[in-house]
Protein backbone atom coordinates (compact mmCIF):
# COMPACT_ATOMS: atom_id res chain seq x y z
CA MET A 1 -17.29 1.65 -12.08
CA SER A 2 -14.16 1.61 -10.36
CA ALA A 3 -13.30 0.07 -7.09
CA ALA A 4 -12.56 3.75 -5.74
CA LEU A 5 -16.10 5.00 -6.61
CA ILE A 6 -17.77 1.94 -5.37
CA ALA A 7 -15.80 2.54 -2.00
CA ALA A 8 -17.03 6.22 -2.24
CA CYS A 9 -20.45 5.08 -2.56
CA LEU A 10 -20.11 2.90 0.35
CA TRP A 11 -18.44 5.70 2.52
CA VAL A 12 -21.51 7.74 1.73
CA LEU A 13 -23.89 5.07 2.88
CA ALA A 14 -21.67 4.63 6.01
CA ALA A 15 -21.99 8.33 6.74
CA ALA A 16 -25.55 8.33 6.49
CA LEU A 17 -25.91 5.36 8.62
CA THR A 18 -23.65 7.12 11.10
CA ALA A 19 -26.04 10.31 11.00
CA MET A 20 -28.90 8.28 12.09
CA LEU A 21 -27.31 7.09 15.14
CA PRO A 22 -27.91 8.82 18.66
CA LEU A 23 -25.40 11.75 19.03
CA SER A 24 -23.31 10.00 21.80
CA ALA A 25 -22.82 6.98 19.44
CA GLN A 26 -21.73 9.09 16.44
CA TYR A 27 -18.22 10.09 17.68
CA LEU A 28 -16.16 6.77 16.83
CA PRO A 29 -17.72 5.77 13.47
CA GLY A 30 -17.85 9.60 12.60
CA LEU A 31 -14.34 10.02 13.55
CA SER A 32 -13.24 7.20 11.24
CA LEU A 33 -15.28 8.35 8.32
CA LEU A 34 -13.44 11.79 8.82
CA VAL A 35 -10.12 10.23 8.85
CA ALA A 36 -10.98 7.84 5.74
CA ALA A 37 -12.15 10.77 3.60
CA PRO A 38 -8.71 12.13 2.43
CA VAL A 39 -7.49 8.68 1.96
CA LEU A 40 -10.38 7.79 -0.30
CA ALA A 41 -9.94 11.25 -2.00
CA GLY A 42 -6.50 10.45 -2.73
CA TRP A 43 -7.41 7.18 -4.23
CA ILE A 44 -10.09 8.68 -6.15
CA GLY A 45 -7.53 11.19 -7.37
CA ALA A 46 -5.17 8.68 -8.50
CA VAL A 47 -7.86 6.58 -10.65
CA HIS A 48 -10.07 9.61 -11.82
CA GLY A 49 -8.06 12.78 -11.65
CA PRO A 50 -7.84 15.75 -9.14
CA TRP A 51 -11.18 17.26 -10.00
CA VAL A 52 -13.20 14.03 -9.11
CA ALA A 53 -11.01 13.87 -5.70
CA LEU A 54 -11.59 17.73 -5.28
CA ALA A 55 -15.52 16.90 -5.54
CA MET A 56 -15.40 14.09 -3.11
CA LEU A 57 -13.46 16.05 -0.42
CA VAL A 58 -16.12 19.17 -0.90
CA ALA A 59 -18.84 16.56 -0.50
CA ALA A 60 -17.14 15.17 2.49
CA ALA A 61 -16.60 18.56 4.22
CA SER A 62 -20.19 19.59 3.59
CA MET A 63 -21.25 16.37 5.51
CA PHE A 64 -18.67 17.09 8.35
CA ARG A 65 -19.17 20.88 8.29
CA LYS A 66 -19.95 21.38 11.88
CA PRO A 67 -17.07 19.11 13.39
CA LEU A 68 -14.84 20.72 10.81
CA ILE A 69 -15.76 24.23 11.90
CA HIS A 70 -15.34 23.09 15.69
CA LEU A 71 -11.83 21.59 15.00
CA ALA A 72 -10.54 24.98 12.97
CA ARG A 73 -11.77 27.22 15.84
CA ARG A 74 -10.23 24.89 18.26
CA VAL A 75 -6.88 24.84 16.42
CA ALA A 76 -6.78 28.71 15.57
CA GLY A 77 -7.36 29.07 19.50
CA LEU A 78 -10.76 30.94 19.19
CA PRO A 79 -13.51 30.39 21.77
CA GLU A 80 -16.17 27.90 21.34
CA LYS A 81 -19.44 29.38 19.81
CA ARG A 82 -22.05 28.64 22.16
CA ALA A 83 -25.92 28.54 21.25
CA GLN A 84 -27.78 31.72 21.83
CA ALA A 85 -31.45 32.20 22.48
CA SER A 86 -33.25 32.83 19.57
CA ASP A 87 -35.05 36.31 19.33
CA GLU A 88 -37.99 34.73 17.49
CA GLY A 89 -41.23 35.43 19.22
CA ARG A 90 -39.97 38.46 21.05
CA SER A 91 -41.57 41.48 20.08
């Protein structure tokens, strides 16, 4: 196994551990993992090719989908989506 794939496995473990932290403590490690993902994907792409790098980016985007959606809405100037009361239980 290449060093790039070992680093990717360590990245996944770090992301899983970060997800187990309380929400208030997730900001800094989550941001550093989010910034490291494209760098790691570039390294994987250089060693294993673009399809493997694309698979890594898709996996990273699925793990960080809510922060990425929030960032995209903020960059686009759209209002933040607020949680709405569920209609379950209402007849």
